[in-house]
């Protein structure tokens, strides 16, 4: 009997020979993780057996890369993967953990919830934990972060706090780490910086530390300060990134000149309505391009010139901007194509 296919999609993978990072198509089955150079390839470039494997997340072995996880095989081979956003990483990890557990117990894979109730130890010393988090060498790193035309100095994100708590084995999972981080926030050890973090801290009668990359916090006795941009040109550029993130993930995109197809990470924002695309193997400091979506037309298409030449067929859609530029993309499934089209249609009507 063929192994059950559990999950598939694009991830960035570190090569084992050249140590380069490339976007690959990954398929998770009950007993292994296969990766392909292209989605349409008949045979995989490699297969990672999951029997006896272990997972590491958060993985901080490459300091300039976020959202990493590591699969270590029974024979001590390490394989590194990078997701495009937190939710994507957690979905992969949840299914990988379940697959490995089922293999160990000789059981059939199923999506039963394995979530345990969250019980923080009554002996938790928040003051001691705060001092450990502030350690310059081994604590949560204070960074210069940018958001909404402002620079936040000596800050870190809520996701960084959660990652650190799990890495240091202070919490068993992200939900438990978020509760612990919320305790630090409510006791005043951590302070919110920026509107998103402040909104989370003000919710209901008890504040909440947000497990998000764009929710910023700082240590209560740090040198935190916030400054705006003085350049009008910078302000206009940053305006594109002001909107809320509606959807993000990897798609195949056709190039404008060579008409070849490459995997790109897309981030869809509203008000102003933009979609930015990036090289998924690199950071998000500089997008490869942006599409202004106000007044655009987006629709599913069945045929794109020269697409089949590159093995690209099915789940295609097109964006035609208000100034009549054409962009062609391919989603990994019919449901994903429908979600992207719906999201783009919504922001194109409401965003400025």
C-alpha atoms as a PDB file:
ATOM      1  CA  UNK A   1       0.000   0.000   0.000  1.00  0.00           C
ATOM      2  CA  UNK A   2       1.297   3.453  -0.947  1.00  0.00           C
ATOM      3  CA  UNK A   3       2.113   5.714   2.039  1.00  0.00           C
ATOM      4  CA  UNK A   4      -0.523   8.363   2.741  1.00  0.00           C
ATOM      5  CA  UNK A   5       0.391  11.855   1.511  1.00  0.00           C
ATOM      6  CA  UNK A   6      -0.076  14.301   4.375  1.00  0.00           C
ATOM      7  CA  UNK A   7       1.100  17.735   3.255  1.00  0.00           C
ATOM      8  CA  UNK A   8       2.864  19.411   0.338  1.00  0.00           C
ATOM      9  CA  UNK A   9       4.074  22.889  -0.524  1.00  0.00           C
ATOM     10  CA  UNK A  10       7.072  25.157  -1.073  1.00  0.00           C
ATOM     11  CA  UNK A  11       9.793  25.455   1.547  1.00  0.00           C
ATOM     12  CA  UNK A  12      13.327  26.841   1.392  1.00  0.00           C
ATOM     13  CA  UNK A  13      15.920  24.105   1.958  1.00  0.00           C
ATOM     14  CA  UNK A  14      19.626  24.252   2.739  1.00  0.00           C
ATOM     15  CA  UNK A  15      21.701  22.142   0.353  1.00  0.00           C
ATOM     16  CA  UNK A  16      23.921  19.445   1.870  1.00  0.00           C
ATOM     17  CA  UNK A  17      26.778  19.817  -0.637  1.00  0.00           C
ATOM     18  CA  UNK A  18      26.973  23.457  -1.728  1.00  0.00           C
ATOM     19  CA  UNK A  19      25.291  24.851   1.419  1.00  0.00           C
ATOM     20  CA  UNK A  20      23.095  27.051  -0.768  1.00  0.00           C
ATOM     21  CA  UNK A  21      19.460  27.811   0.101  1.00  0.00           C
ATOM     22  CA  UNK A  22      16.836  27.022  -2.553  1.00  0.00           C
ATOM     23  CA  UNK A  23      13.061  26.935  -2.765  1.00  0.00           C
ATOM     24  CA  UNK A  24      11.904  23.350  -3.299  1.00  0.00           C
ATOM     25  CA  UNK A  25       8.605  21.489  -3.507  1.00  0.00           C
ATOM     26  CA  UNK A  26       8.251  19.322  -0.410  1.00  0.00           C
ATOM     27  CA  UNK A  27       5.906  16.356   0.069  1.00  0.00           C
ATOM     28  CA  UNK A  28       5.327  14.845   3.519  1.00  0.00           C
ATOM     29  CA  UNK A  29       4.096  11.242   3.624  1.00  0.00           C
ATOM     30  CA  UNK A  30       3.628   8.862   6.528  1.00  0.00           C
ATOM     31  CA  UNK A  31       7.217   7.634   6.489  1.00  0.00           C
ATOM     32  CA  UNK A  32       9.304  10.335   4.830  1.00  0.00           C
ATOM     33  CA  UNK A  33       9.855  13.832   3.544  1.00  0.00           C
ATOM     34  CA  UNK A  34      10.547  14.102  -0.202  1.00  0.00           C
ATOM     35  CA  UNK A  35      11.795  17.260  -1.912  1.00  0.00           C
ATOM     36  CA  UNK A  36      11.686  18.117  -5.612  1.00  0.00           C
ATOM     37  CA  UNK A  37      13.462  20.772  -7.669  1.00  0.00           C
ATOM     38  CA  UNK A  38      10.125  21.529  -9.365  1.00  0.00           C
ATOM     39  CA  UNK A  39       6.575  20.634  -8.440  1.00  0.00           C
ATOM     40  CA  UNK A  40       6.105  18.820 -11.748  1.00  0.00           C
ATOM     41  CA  UNK A  41       9.209  16.607 -11.488  1.00  0.00           C
ATOM     42  CA  UNK A  42       8.447  12.879 -11.646  1.00  0.00           C
ATOM     43  CA  UNK A  43      11.113  11.875  -9.131  1.00  0.00           C
ATOM     44  CA  UNK A  44      12.420  13.643  -6.009  1.00  0.00           C
ATOM     45  CA  UNK A  45      15.929  15.035  -5.528  1.00  0.00           C
ATOM     46  CA  UNK A  46      16.007  13.367  -2.165  1.00  0.00           C
ATOM     47  CA  UNK A  47      14.028  11.637   0.564  1.00  0.00           C
ATOM     48  CA  UNK A  48      14.396  12.071   4.339  1.00  0.00           C
ATOM     49  CA  UNK A  49      13.254   9.025   6.354  1.00  0.00           C
ATOM     50  CA  UNK A  50      11.221   9.960   9.423  1.00  0.00           C
ATOM     51  CA  UNK A  51      11.520   6.765  11.445  1.00  0.00           C
ATOM     52  CA  UNK A  52      13.641   7.688  14.450  1.00  0.00           C
ATOM     53  CA  UNK A  53      13.914  11.328  13.314  1.00  0.00           C
ATOM     54  CA  UNK A  54      13.810  14.328  15.648  1.00  0.00           C
ATOM     55  CA  UNK A  55      12.663  17.917  15.119  1.00  0.00           C
ATOM     56  CA  UNK A  56      14.251  21.150  16.321  1.00  0.00           C
ATOM     57  CA  UNK A  57      12.221  24.362  16.385  1.00  0.00           C
ATOM     58  CA  UNK A  58      12.929  27.153  16.868  1.00  0.00           C
ATOM     59  CA  UNK A  59      16.256  26.561  15.159  1.00  0.00           C
ATOM     60  CA  UNK A  60      18.779  29.390  15.582  1.00  0.00           C
ATOM     61  CA  UNK A  61      21.890  27.877  14.003  1.00  0.00           C
ATOM     62  CA  UNK A  62      21.739  30.461  11.186  1.00  0.00           C
ATOM     63  CA  UNK A  63      21.247  33.826  12.882  1.00  0.00           C
ATOM     64  CA  UNK A  64      20.229  35.711   9.731  1.00  0.00           C
ATOM     65  CA  UNK A  65      17.420  33.266   8.914  1.00  0.00           C
ATOM     66  CA  UNK A  66      14.076  33.173  10.678  1.00  0.00           C
ATOM     67  CA  UNK A  67      11.301  30.564  10.745  1.00  0.00           C
ATOM     68  CA  UNK A  68      13.725  27.642  10.473  1.00  0.00           C
ATOM     69  CA  UNK A  69      13.200  24.085  11.605  1.00  0.00           C
ATOM     70  CA  UNK A  70      15.579  21.129  11.526  1.00  0.00           C
ATOM     71  CA  UNK A  71      14.854  17.474  10.783  1.00  0.00           C
ATOM     72  CA  UNK A  72      17.578  15.181  12.168  1.00  0.00           C
ATOM     73  CA  UNK A  73      17.484  11.580  10.923  1.00  0.00           C
ATOM     74  CA  UNK A  74      18.258   8.455  12.933  1.00  0.00           C
ATOM     75  CA  UNK A  75      21.743   8.340  11.364  1.00  0.00           C
ATOM     76  CA  UNK A  76      22.488  11.908  12.544  1.00  0.00           C
ATOM     77  CA  UNK A  77      21.991  13.756   9.236  1.00  0.00           C
ATOM     78  CA  UNK A  78      20.594  17.279   9.678  1.00  0.00           C
ATOM     79  CA  UNK A  79      18.203  18.841   7.152  1.00  0.00           C
ATOM     80  CA  UNK A  80      17.215  22.517   7.440  1.00  0.00           C
ATOM     81  CA  UNK A  81      13.989  24.040   6.130  1.00  0.00           C
ATOM     82  CA  UNK A  82      12.668  27.614   6.216  1.00  0.00           C
ATOM     83  CA  UNK A  83       8.987  28.543   6.062  1.00  0.00           C
ATOM     84  CA  UNK A  84       7.585  31.803   4.714  1.00  0.00           C
ATOM     85  CA  UNK A  85       5.564  32.701   7.828  1.00  0.00           C
ATOM     86  CA  UNK A  86       4.918  31.488  11.380  1.00  0.00           C
ATOM     87  CA  UNK A  87       1.597  29.761  10.671  1.00  0.00           C
ATOM     88  CA  UNK A  88       3.141  27.800   7.793  1.00  0.00           C
ATOM     89  CA  UNK A  89       6.050  26.615   9.935  1.00  0.00           C
ATOM     90  CA  UNK A  90       3.740  25.508  12.748  1.00  0.00           C
ATOM     91  CA  UNK A  91       1.496  23.571  10.327  1.00  0.00           C
ATOM     92  CA  UNK A  92       4.475  21.649   8.955  1.00  0.00           C
ATOM     93  CA  UNK A  93       5.818  20.959  12.446  1.00  0.00           C
ATOM     94  CA  UNK A  94       2.463  19.726  13.729  1.00  0.00           C
ATOM     95  CA  UNK A  95       2.131  17.172  10.921  1.00  0.00           C
ATOM     96  CA  UNK A  96       5.807  16.152  11.090  1.00  0.00           C
ATOM     97  CA  UNK A  97       5.593  15.514  14.835  1.00  0.00           C
ATOM     98  CA  UNK A  98       2.431  13.469  14.383  1.00  0.00           C
ATOM     99  CA  UNK A  99       3.988  11.428  11.550  1.00  0.00           C
ATOM    100  CA  UNK A 100       7.111  10.669  13.606  1.00  0.00           C
ATOM    101  CA  UNK A 101       5.016   9.720  16.659  1.00  0.00           C
ATOM    102  CA  UNK A 102       2.828   7.385  14.585  1.00  0.00           C
ATOM    103  CA  UNK A 103       5.903   5.682  13.120  1.00  0.00           C
ATOM    104  CA  UNK A 104       7.343   5.117  16.592  1.00  0.00           C
ATOM    105  CA  UNK A 105       4.095   3.600  17.840  1.00  0.00           C
ATOM    106  CA  UNK A 106       3.368   1.605  14.699  1.00  0.00           C
ATOM    107  CA  UNK A 107       0.114   3.497  14.176  1.00  0.00           C
ATOM    108  CA  UNK A 108      -1.670   4.895  11.112  1.00  0.00           C
ATOM    109  CA  UNK A 109      -1.333   8.674  10.697  1.00  0.00           C
ATOM    110  CA  UNK A 110      -4.384  10.666  11.750  1.00  0.00           C
ATOM    111  CA  UNK A 111      -4.932  14.317  12.567  1.00  0.00           C
ATOM    112  CA  UNK A 112      -6.088  13.699  16.144  1.00  0.00           C
ATOM    113  CA  UNK A 113      -5.280  16.572  18.430  1.00  0.00           C
ATOM    114  CA  UNK A 114      -2.299  15.888  20.659  1.00  0.00           C
ATOM    115  CA  UNK A 115      -2.553  19.239  22.413  1.00  0.00           C
ATOM    116  CA  UNK A 116      -1.904  19.087  26.148  1.00  0.00           C
ATOM    117  CA  UNK A 117      -3.479  21.399  28.647  1.00  0.00           C
ATOM    118  CA  UNK A 118      -1.324  24.394  29.540  1.00  0.00           C
ATOM    119  CA  UNK A 119      -0.126  24.309  33.137  1.00  0.00           C
ATOM    120  CA  UNK A 120       2.702  26.632  34.044  1.00  0.00           C
ATOM    121  CA  UNK A 121       4.776  25.514  37.047  1.00  0.00           C
ATOM    122  CA  UNK A 122       3.668  27.236  40.259  1.00  0.00           C
ATOM    123  CA  UNK A 123       7.352  27.779  41.076  1.00  0.00           C
ATOM    124  CA  UNK A 124       7.934  29.978  38.000  1.00  0.00           C
ATOM    125  CA  UNK A 125      10.085  32.961  39.032  1.00  0.00           C
ATOM    126  CA  UNK A 126       9.342  35.750  36.541  1.00  0.00           C
ATOM    127  CA  UNK A 127      12.090  37.977  37.922  1.00  0.00           C
ATOM    128  CA  UNK A 128      14.703  35.244  37.395  1.00  0.00           C
ATOM    129  CA  UNK A 129      13.305  34.546  33.927  1.00  0.00           C
ATOM    130  CA  UNK A 130      13.490  38.243  33.057  1.00  0.00           C
ATOM    131  CA  UNK A 131      17.165  38.395  34.033  1.00  0.00           C
ATOM    132  CA  UNK A 132      17.905  35.369  31.844  1.00  0.00           C
ATOM    133  CA  UNK A 133      16.065  36.955  28.907  1.00  0.00           C
ATOM    134  CA  UNK A 134      18.189  40.096  29.309  1.00  0.00           C
ATOM    135  CA  UNK A 135      21.515  38.224  29.212  1.00  0.00           C
ATOM    136  CA  UNK A 136      23.558  39.882  26.455  1.00  0.00           C
ATOM    137  CA  UNK A 137      25.057  36.625  25.196  1.00  0.00           C
ATOM    138  CA  UNK A 138      22.276  34.096  25.682  1.00  0.00           C
ATOM    139  CA  UNK A 139      19.084  36.127  26.022  1.00  0.00           C
ATOM    140  CA  UNK A 140      16.555  37.655  23.651  1.00  0.00           C
ATOM    141  CA  UNK A 141      18.427  39.893  21.214  1.00  0.00           C
ATOM    142  CA  UNK A 142      17.538  43.595  21.184  1.00  0.00           C
ATOM    143  CA  UNK A 143      17.309  44.857  17.608  1.00  0.00           C
ATOM    144  CA  UNK A 144      16.538  47.937  15.544  1.00  0.00           C
ATOM    145  CA  UNK A 145      13.145  47.161  13.980  1.00  0.00           C
ATOM    146  CA  UNK A 146      11.127  49.116  11.419  1.00  0.00           C
ATOM    147  CA  UNK A 147       7.381  49.482  11.065  1.00  0.00           C
ATOM    148  CA  UNK A 148       4.935  52.132   9.866  1.00  0.00           C
ATOM    149  CA  UNK A 149       7.570  54.727   8.954  1.00  0.00           C
ATOM    150  CA  UNK A 150       9.239  54.402  12.358  1.00  0.00           C
ATOM    151  CA  UNK A 151      12.389  52.830  13.748  1.00  0.00           C
ATOM    152  CA  UNK A 152      12.065  50.995  17.072  1.00  0.00           C
ATOM    153  CA  UNK A 153      15.418  50.718  18.829  1.00  0.00           C
ATOM    154  CA  UNK A 154      16.320  48.014  21.395  1.00  0.00           C
ATOM    155  CA  UNK A 155      13.217  45.987  20.573  1.00  0.00           C
ATOM    156  CA  UNK A 156      12.220  42.411  19.758  1.00  0.00           C
ATOM    157  CA  UNK A 157       9.082  40.739  18.455  1.00  0.00           C
ATOM    158  CA  UNK A 158       6.576  38.615  20.353  1.00  0.00           C
ATOM    159  CA  UNK A 159       7.554  35.650  18.147  1.00  0.00           C
ATOM    160  CA  UNK A 160      11.189  36.076  19.234  1.00  0.00           C
ATOM    161  CA  UNK A 161      10.104  35.851  22.883  1.00  0.00           C
ATOM    162  CA  UNK A 162       8.092  32.684  22.206  1.00  0.00           C
ATOM    163  CA  UNK A 163      10.950  31.116  20.202  1.00  0.00           C
ATOM    164  CA  UNK A 164      13.443  31.859  23.006  1.00  0.00           C
ATOM    165  CA  UNK A 165      11.222  30.385  25.727  1.00  0.00           C
ATOM    166  CA  UNK A 166      10.837  27.136  23.756  1.00  0.00           C
ATOM    167  CA  UNK A 167      14.526  27.000  22.834  1.00  0.00           C
ATOM    168  CA  UNK A 168      15.525  27.373  26.492  1.00  0.00           C
ATOM    169  CA  UNK A 169      12.951  24.711  27.479  1.00  0.00           C
ATOM    170  CA  UNK A 170      10.966  27.153  29.590  1.00  0.00           C
ATOM    171  CA  UNK A 171       7.797  26.180  27.710  1.00  0.00           C
ATOM    172  CA  UNK A 172       6.636  23.016  25.935  1.00  0.00           C
ATOM    173  CA  UNK A 173       4.868  24.677  23.007  1.00  0.00           C
ATOM    174  CA  UNK A 174       3.983  28.063  21.520  1.00  0.00           C
ATOM    175  CA  UNK A 175       0.682  28.385  23.387  1.00  0.00           C
ATOM    176  CA  UNK A 176       2.387  27.790  26.734  1.00  0.00           C
ATOM    177  CA  UNK A 177       5.221  30.171  25.835  1.00  0.00           C
ATOM    178  CA  UNK A 178       2.695  32.868  24.930  1.00  0.00           C
ATOM    179  CA  UNK A 179       1.027  32.499  28.349  1.00  0.00           C
ATOM    180  CA  UNK A 180       4.429  32.812  30.039  1.00  0.00           C
ATOM    181  CA  UNK A 181       5.300  35.867  27.924  1.00  0.00           C
ATOM    182  CA  UNK A 182       1.930  37.380  28.817  1.00  0.00           C
ATOM    183  CA  UNK A 183       2.822  36.947  32.497  1.00  0.00           C
ATOM    184  CA  UNK A 184       6.044  38.909  31.940  1.00  0.00           C
ATOM    185  CA  UNK A 185       4.043  41.602  30.133  1.00  0.00           C
ATOM    186  CA  UNK A 186       1.386  41.877  32.846  1.00  0.00           C
ATOM    187  CA  UNK A 187       4.007  42.084  35.601  1.00  0.00           C
ATOM    188  CA  UNK A 188       5.661  44.987  33.769  1.00  0.00           C
ATOM    189  CA  UNK A 189       8.924  43.252  32.850  1.00  0.00           C
ATOM    190  CA  UNK A 190       8.098  43.650  29.145  1.00  0.00           C
ATOM    191  CA  UNK A 191       6.530  46.741  27.581  1.00  0.00           C
ATOM    192  CA  UNK A 192       4.642  47.036  24.261  1.00  0.00           C
ATOM    193  CA  UNK A 193       6.080  49.221  21.477  1.00  0.00           C
ATOM    194  CA  UNK A 194       3.853  50.210  18.563  1.00  0.00           C
ATOM    195  CA  UNK A 195       0.098  50.096  18.074  1.00  0.00           C
ATOM    196  CA  UNK A 196      -0.238  46.339  17.455  1.00  0.00           C
ATOM    197  CA  UNK A 197       1.513  45.281  20.665  1.00  0.00           C
ATOM    198  CA  UNK A 198      -0.311  47.991  22.642  1.00  0.00           C
ATOM    199  CA  UNK A 199      -3.668  46.798  21.306  1.00  0.00           C
ATOM    200  CA  UNK A 200      -2.848  43.264  22.435  1.00  0.00           C
ATOM    201  CA  UNK A 201      -1.787  44.505  25.870  1.00  0.00           C
ATOM    202  CA  UNK A 202      -5.070  46.395  26.292  1.00  0.00           C
ATOM    203  CA  UNK A 203      -7.384  43.503  25.359  1.00  0.00           C
ATOM    204  CA  UNK A 204     -10.053  42.637  27.957  1.00  0.00           C
ATOM    205  CA  UNK A 205      -8.965  42.842  31.594  1.00  0.00           C
ATOM    206  CA  UNK A 206      -5.618  41.155  31.075  1.00  0.00           C
ATOM    207  CA  UNK A 207      -3.030  42.003  28.438  1.00  0.00           C
ATOM    208  CA  UNK A 208      -1.788  39.503  25.864  1.00  0.00           C
ATOM    209  CA  UNK A 209       1.687  39.107  24.398  1.00  0.00           C
ATOM    210  CA  UNK A 210       1.191  38.520  20.675  1.00  0.00           C
ATOM    211  CA  UNK A 211       3.113  35.692  18.984  1.00  0.00           C
ATOM    212  CA  UNK A 212       3.705  37.808  15.874  1.00  0.00           C
ATOM    213  CA  UNK A 213       6.774  39.052  14.032  1.00  0.00           C
ATOM    214  CA  UNK A 214       5.384  42.598  13.754  1.00  0.00           C
ATOM    215  CA  UNK A 215       4.295  42.940  17.419  1.00  0.00           C
ATOM    216  CA  UNK A 216       7.208  44.729  19.116  1.00  0.00           C
ATOM    217  CA  UNK A 217       8.243  44.765  22.796  1.00  0.00           C
ATOM    218  CA  UNK A 218      11.138  46.018  24.917  1.00  0.00           C
ATOM    219  CA  UNK A 219      12.646  45.384  28.342  1.00  0.00           C
ATOM    220  CA  UNK A 220      11.269  47.784  30.956  1.00  0.00           C
ATOM    221  CA  UNK A 221      14.726  49.119  31.897  1.00  0.00           C
ATOM    222  CA  UNK A 222      16.256  49.114  28.415  1.00  0.00           C
ATOM    223  CA  UNK A 223      17.320  52.045  26.272  1.00  0.00           C
ATOM    224  CA  UNK A 224      14.213  51.802  24.083  1.00  0.00           C
ATOM    225  CA  UNK A 225      13.310  54.760  21.936  1.00  0.00           C
ATOM    226  CA  UNK A 226      11.350  55.312  18.747  1.00  0.00           C
ATOM    227  CA  UNK A 227      12.146  57.676  15.900  1.00  0.00           C
ATOM    228  CA  UNK A 228      10.394  58.597  12.674  1.00  0.00           C
ATOM    229  CA  UNK A 229      11.852  58.980   9.217  1.00  0.00           C
ATOM    230  CA  UNK A 230      12.852  62.491   8.169  1.00  0.00           C
ATOM    231  CA  UNK A 231      12.967  61.831   4.429  1.00  0.00           C
ATOM    232  CA  UNK A 232       9.750  62.364   2.470  1.00  0.00           C
ATOM    233  CA  UNK A 233      11.019  59.841  -0.074  1.00  0.00           C
ATOM    234  CA  UNK A 234      11.465  57.201   2.640  1.00  0.00           C
ATOM    235  CA  UNK A 235       8.001  57.938   3.985  1.00  0.00           C
ATOM    236  CA  UNK A 236       6.401  57.445   0.565  1.00  0.00           C
ATOM    237  CA  UNK A 237       8.242  54.168   0.096  1.00  0.00           C
ATOM    238  CA  UNK A 238       7.284  52.862   3.536  1.00  0.00           C
ATOM    239  CA  UNK A 239       3.654  53.805   2.869  1.00  0.00           C
ATOM    240  CA  UNK A 240       3.369  50.670   0.718  1.00  0.00           C
ATOM    241  CA  UNK A 241       4.057  48.478   3.750  1.00  0.00           C
ATOM    242  CA  UNK A 242       1.624  50.169   6.143  1.00  0.00           C
ATOM    243  CA  UNK A 243      -1.355  47.888   5.507  1.00  0.00           C
ATOM    244  CA  UNK A 244      -2.312  44.769   7.428  1.00  0.00           C
ATOM    245  CA  UNK A 245      -1.029  41.468   6.055  1.00  0.00           C
ATOM    246  CA  UNK A 246      -4.016  39.630   4.579  1.00  0.00           C
ATOM    247  CA  UNK A 247      -2.244  36.587   3.153  1.00  0.00           C
ATOM    248  CA  UNK A 248       1.308  35.399   2.518  1.00  0.00           C
ATOM    249  CA  UNK A 249       3.015  32.376   1.044  1.00  0.00           C
ATOM    250  CA  UNK A 250       4.954  31.042  -1.934  1.00  0.00           C
ATOM    251  CA  UNK A 251       3.716  30.977  -5.536  1.00  0.00           C
ATOM    252  CA  UNK A 252       5.297  30.387  -8.923  1.00  0.00           C
ATOM    253  CA  UNK A 253       5.591  33.660 -10.874  1.00  0.00           C
ATOM    254  CA  UNK A 254       6.313  34.220 -14.546  1.00  0.00           C
ATOM    255  CA  UNK A 255       9.160  36.643 -15.271  1.00  0.00           C
ATOM    256  CA  UNK A 256       8.448  39.726 -17.390  1.00  0.00           C
ATOM    257  CA  UNK A 257      11.441  39.435 -19.697  1.00  0.00           C
ATOM    258  CA  UNK A 258      12.609  35.828 -19.920  1.00  0.00           C
ATOM    259  CA  UNK A 259       9.108  34.413 -19.270  1.00  0.00           C
ATOM    260  CA  UNK A 260      10.626  31.745 -17.029  1.00  0.00           C
ATOM    261  CA  UNK A 261       8.912  30.702 -13.799  1.00  0.00           C
ATOM    262  CA  UNK A 262      10.422  31.026 -10.319  1.00  0.00           C
ATOM    263  CA  UNK A 263       9.208  30.503  -6.769  1.00  0.00           C
ATOM    264  CA  UNK A 264       8.547  33.800  -5.027  1.00  0.00           C
ATOM    265  CA  UNK A 265       7.221  34.662  -1.596  1.00  0.00           C
ATOM    266  CA  UNK A 266       4.183  36.965  -1.834  1.00  0.00           C
ATOM    267  CA  UNK A 267       2.820  39.243   0.896  1.00  0.00           C
ATOM    268  CA  UNK A 268      -0.646  40.737   0.341  1.00  0.00           C
ATOM    269  CA  UNK A 269      -1.524  43.909   2.274  1.00  0.00           C
ATOM    270  CA  UNK A 270      -4.589  46.111   2.471  1.00  0.00           C
ATOM    271  CA  UNK A 271      -4.945  49.903   2.717  1.00  0.00           C
ATOM    272  CA  UNK A 272      -2.896  50.664   0.710  1.00  0.00           C
ATOM    273  CA  UNK A 273      -3.586  47.639  -1.465  1.00  0.00           C
ATOM    274  CA  UNK A 274      -0.233  46.123  -2.451  1.00  0.00           C
ATOM    275  CA  UNK A 275       1.268  42.736  -3.040  1.00  0.00           C
ATOM    276  CA  UNK A 276       5.059  42.512  -2.680  1.00  0.00           C
ATOM    277  CA  UNK A 277       7.156  39.592  -3.818  1.00  0.00           C
ATOM    278  CA  UNK A 278      10.541  38.408  -2.572  1.00  0.00           C
ATOM    279  CA  UNK A 279      13.224  35.822  -3.170  1.00  0.00           C
ATOM    280  CA  UNK A 280      12.162  33.268  -0.516  1.00  0.00           C
ATOM    281  CA  UNK A 281      15.786  32.252   0.106  1.00  0.00           C
ATOM    282  CA  UNK A 282      16.645  35.772   1.306  1.00  0.00           C
ATOM    283  CA  UNK A 283      15.284  38.297   3.796  1.00  0.00           C
ATOM    284  CA  UNK A 284      12.441  40.781   3.387  1.00  0.00           C
ATOM    285  CA  UNK A 285      14.442  43.994   3.615  1.00  0.00           C
ATOM    286  CA  UNK A 286      14.200  44.543  -0.138  1.00  0.00           C
ATOM    287  CA  UNK A 287      11.347  43.124  -2.253  1.00  0.00           C
ATOM    288  CA  UNK A 288      12.012  42.135  -5.862  1.00  0.00           C
ATOM    289  CA  UNK A 289       8.909  44.041  -6.888  1.00  0.00           C
ATOM    290  CA  UNK A 290       5.444  45.245  -5.913  1.00  0.00           C
ATOM    291  CA  UNK A 291       2.018  45.314  -7.554  1.00  0.00           C
ATOM    292  CA  UNK A 292      -0.381  48.133  -6.739  1.00  0.00           C
ATOM    293  CA  UNK A 293      -3.759  46.395  -6.577  1.00  0.00           C
ATOM    294  CA  UNK A 294      -6.181  49.314  -6.374  1.00  0.00           C
ATOM    295  CA  UNK A 295      -8.549  48.935  -9.330  1.00  0.00           C
ATOM    296  CA  UNK A 296      -6.873  45.759 -10.611  1.00  0.00           C
ATOM    297  CA  UNK A 297      -8.621  42.764 -12.179  1.00  0.00           C
ATOM    298  CA  UNK A 298      -7.684  39.271 -10.985  1.00  0.00           C
ATOM    299  CA  UNK A 299      -9.023  36.034 -12.437  1.00  0.00           C
ATOM    300  CA  UNK A 300      -8.289  32.342 -12.894  1.00  0.00           C
ATOM    301  CA  UNK A 301      -6.849  31.437 -16.295  1.00  0.00           C
ATOM    302  CA  UNK A 302      -6.388  28.083 -17.985  1.00  0.00           C
ATOM    303  CA  UNK A 303      -3.618  29.035 -20.401  1.00  0.00           C
ATOM    304  CA  UNK A 304      -0.516  31.233 -20.190  1.00  0.00           C
ATOM    305  CA  UNK A 305       1.816  31.558 -23.228  1.00  0.00           C
ATOM    306  CA  UNK A 306       5.043  29.555 -22.806  1.00  0.00           C
ATOM    307  CA  UNK A 307       3.970  28.192 -19.405  1.00  0.00           C
ATOM    308  CA  UNK A 308       3.867  24.515 -20.464  1.00  0.00           C
ATOM    309  CA  UNK A 309       7.353  24.853 -21.865  1.00  0.00           C
ATOM    310  CA  UNK A 310       8.488  25.180 -18.238  1.00  0.00           C
ATOM    311  CA  UNK A 311       6.202  22.407 -17.006  1.00  0.00           C
ATOM    312  CA  UNK A 312       3.732  24.877 -15.492  1.00  0.00           C
ATOM    313  CA  UNK A 313       0.101  23.872 -15.944  1.00  0.00           C
ATOM    314  CA  UNK A 314      -3.020  24.249 -13.796  1.00  0.00           C
ATOM    315  CA  UNK A 315      -3.998  26.517 -10.873  1.00  0.00           C
ATOM    316  CA  UNK A 316      -2.967  29.631 -12.850  1.00  0.00           C
ATOM    317  CA  UNK A 317      -4.260  33.146 -12.252  1.00  0.00           C
ATOM    318  CA  UNK A 318      -3.612  36.595 -13.683  1.00  0.00           C
ATOM    319  CA  UNK A 319      -3.496  40.090 -12.206  1.00  0.00           C
ATOM    320  CA  UNK A 320      -4.094  43.027 -14.577  1.00  0.00           C
ATOM    321  CA  UNK A 321      -3.279  46.335 -12.877  1.00  0.00           C
ATOM    322  CA  UNK A 322      -5.063  49.630 -13.484  1.00  0.00           C
ATOM    323  CA  UNK A 323      -2.206  50.686 -15.790  1.00  0.00           C
ATOM    324  CA  UNK A 324      -2.630  47.406 -17.749  1.00  0.00           C
ATOM    325  CA  UNK A 325       0.417  45.477 -16.561  1.00  0.00           C
ATOM    326  CA  UNK A 326      -0.070  41.691 -16.606  1.00  0.00           C
ATOM    327  CA  UNK A 327       1.260  39.317 -13.912  1.00  0.00           C
ATOM    328  CA  UNK A 328       0.862  35.539 -14.063  1.00  0.00           C
ATOM    329  CA  UNK A 329       1.114  33.228 -11.040  1.00  0.00           C
ATOM    330  CA  UNK A 330       0.534  29.570 -10.235  1.00  0.00           C
ATOM    331  CA  UNK A 331      -0.846  28.364  -6.901  1.00  0.00           C
ATOM    332  CA  UNK A 332      -0.072  24.914  -5.516  1.00  0.00           C
ATOM    333  CA  UNK A 333      -3.726  23.843  -5.372  1.00  0.00           C
ATOM    334  CA  UNK A 334      -7.180  24.880  -6.518  1.00  0.00           C
ATOM    335  CA  UNK A 335      -8.124  25.946  -2.976  1.00  0.00           C
ATOM    336  CA  UNK A 336      -5.001  28.114  -2.681  1.00  0.00           C
ATOM    337  CA  UNK A 337      -5.718  29.766  -6.032  1.00  0.00           C
ATOM    338  CA  UNK A 338      -9.262  30.547  -4.878  1.00  0.00           C
ATOM    339  CA  UNK A 339      -7.958  32.054  -1.610  1.00  0.00           C
ATOM    340  CA  UNK A 340      -5.426  34.291  -3.365  1.00  0.00           C
ATOM    341  CA  UNK A 341      -7.959  35.520  -5.917  1.00  0.00           C
ATOM    342  CA  UNK A 342     -10.512  36.238  -3.180  1.00  0.00           C
ATOM    343  CA  UNK A 343      -7.974  38.098  -1.045  1.00  0.00           C
ATOM    344  CA  UNK A 344      -6.709  40.216  -3.942  1.00  0.00           C
ATOM    345  CA  UNK A 345     -10.251  41.045  -5.044  1.00  0.00           C
ATOM    346  CA  UNK A 346     -11.143  42.178  -1.513  1.00  0.00           C
ATOM    347  CA  UNK A 347      -8.166  44.554  -1.099  1.00  0.00           C
ATOM    348  CA  UNK A 348      -8.390  45.888  -4.667  1.00  0.00           C
ATOM    349  CA  UNK A 349     -11.878  47.238  -3.889  1.00  0.00           C
ATOM    350  CA  UNK A 350     -11.209  48.518  -0.365  1.00  0.00           C
ATOM    351  CA  UNK A 351      -7.539  49.603  -0.429  1.00  0.00           C
ATOM    352  CA  UNK A 352      -6.353  52.966  -1.739  1.00  0.00           C
END
